[in-house]
Amino acid sequence: MKNEVIDFEPVFQRMAERARLRARLKRLSTVRVKVKRVKKTHCKWGHALTPENVYLWQNTRICKICKKARSQKQIREGKIKVF
């Protein structure tokens, strides 16, 4: 038992296969995100995401109508003070 030779090759093969699968899944997930972003034509509340109604912030499209409504609501509730 002391001089027994252990073959680690199958272990290394499984590790390499898992690494390849992880890399492949990572590539596929980034592709899916880009496809969703292209297909999205309306915001959560149904406003059209046209160039006139959208501005970019940190690589995200934001609906100007919804943003304006949110800030007006926060002003009414006293969360934002306007001087």
Protein backbone atom coordinates (compact mmCIF):
# COMPACT_ATOMS: atom_id res chain seq x y z
CA MET A 1 0.00 0.00 0.00
CA LYS A 2 2.87 2.44 0.69
CA ASN A 3 4.34 2.26 -2.80
CA GLU A 4 1.00 2.41 -4.61
CA VAL A 5 0.92 4.69 -7.66
CA ILE A 6 -2.14 6.91 -7.95
CA ASP A 7 -3.30 7.91 -11.41
CA PHE A 8 -4.54 11.52 -11.30
CA GLU A 9 -5.14 11.83 -15.03
CA PRO A 10 -8.93 11.14 -14.85
CA VAL A 11 -9.25 13.79 -12.13
CA PHE A 12 -7.38 16.35 -14.23
CA GLN A 13 -9.52 15.48 -17.26
CA ARG A 14 -12.72 16.11 -15.27
CA MET A 15 -11.33 19.41 -13.97
CA ALA A 16 -10.42 20.52 -17.48
CA GLU A 17 -13.85 19.53 -18.80
CA ARG A 18 -15.58 21.51 -16.05
CA ALA A 19 -13.41 24.55 -16.84
CA ARG A 20 -14.33 24.31 -20.52
CA LEU A 21 -18.04 24.04 -19.65
CA ARG A 22 -17.86 27.04 -17.32
CA ALA A 23 -16.17 29.13 -20.02
CA ARG A 24 -18.78 28.07 -22.57
CA LEU A 25 -21.67 28.93 -20.23
CA LYS A 26 -20.12 32.31 -19.52
CA ARG A 27 -19.89 33.08 -23.24
CA LEU A 28 -23.48 31.96 -23.81
CA SER A 29 -24.85 34.01 -20.92
CA THR A 30 -23.29 37.23 -22.25
CA VAL A 31 -24.80 36.55 -25.67
CA ARG A 32 -28.27 36.10 -24.13
CA VAL A 33 -28.05 39.43 -22.31
CA LYS A 34 -27.20 41.25 -25.50
CA VAL A 35 -30.11 39.63 -27.34
CA LYS A 36 -32.57 40.60 -24.60
CA ARG A 37 -31.35 44.19 -24.67
CA VAL A 38 -31.88 44.43 -28.41
CA LYS A 39 -35.35 42.89 -28.34
CA LYS A 40 -36.69 45.15 -25.56
CA THR A 41 -38.87 47.83 -27.15
CA HIS A 42 -40.92 49.05 -24.17
CA CYS A 43 -40.17 49.81 -20.54
CA LYS A 44 -41.75 48.00 -17.60
CA TRP A 45 -44.74 50.36 -17.63
CA GLY A 46 -45.33 50.18 -21.41
CA HIS A 47 -43.62 53.34 -22.66
CA ALA A 48 -41.86 52.98 -26.00
CA LEU A 49 -38.08 52.93 -25.74
CA THR A 50 -37.39 55.32 -28.60
CA PRO A 51 -34.24 57.49 -28.87
CA GLU A 52 -36.29 60.54 -27.80
CA ASN A 53 -37.59 58.77 -24.65
CA VAL A 54 -34.40 57.01 -23.53
CA TYR A 55 -31.14 58.04 -21.98
CA LEU A 56 -28.17 55.85 -21.15
CA TRP A 57 -26.79 55.56 -17.65
CA GLN A 58 -24.02 53.07 -16.84
CA ASN A 59 -24.72 51.07 -20.01
CA THR A 60 -28.46 50.82 -19.16
CA ARG A 61 -31.37 52.36 -21.03
CA ILE A 62 -33.74 54.36 -18.81
CA CYS A 63 -37.20 55.60 -19.78
CA LYS A 64 -37.38 59.40 -19.37
CA ILE A 65 -41.14 59.36 -18.68
CA CYS A 66 -40.81 56.85 -15.83
CA LYS A 67 -37.77 58.68 -14.40
CA LYS A 68 -39.68 61.98 -14.37
CA ALA A 69 -42.69 60.36 -12.67
CA ARG A 70 -40.46 58.74 -10.03
CA SER A 71 -38.71 62.01 -9.20
CA GLN A 72 -42.03 63.92 -8.98
CA LYS A 73 -43.38 61.26 -6.62
CA GLN A 74 -40.27 61.50 -4.44
CA ILE A 75 -40.58 65.30 -4.33
CA ARG A 76 -44.25 65.04 -3.25
CA GLU A 77 -43.34 62.53 -0.54
CA GLY A 78 -40.55 64.77 0.75
CA LYS A 79 -37.75 62.35 -0.04
CA ILE A 80 -36.07 64.90 -2.33
CA LYS A 81 -35.91 68.56 -1.36
CA VAL A 82 -36.09 71.15 -4.12
CA PHE A 83 -34.82 74.66 -3.31
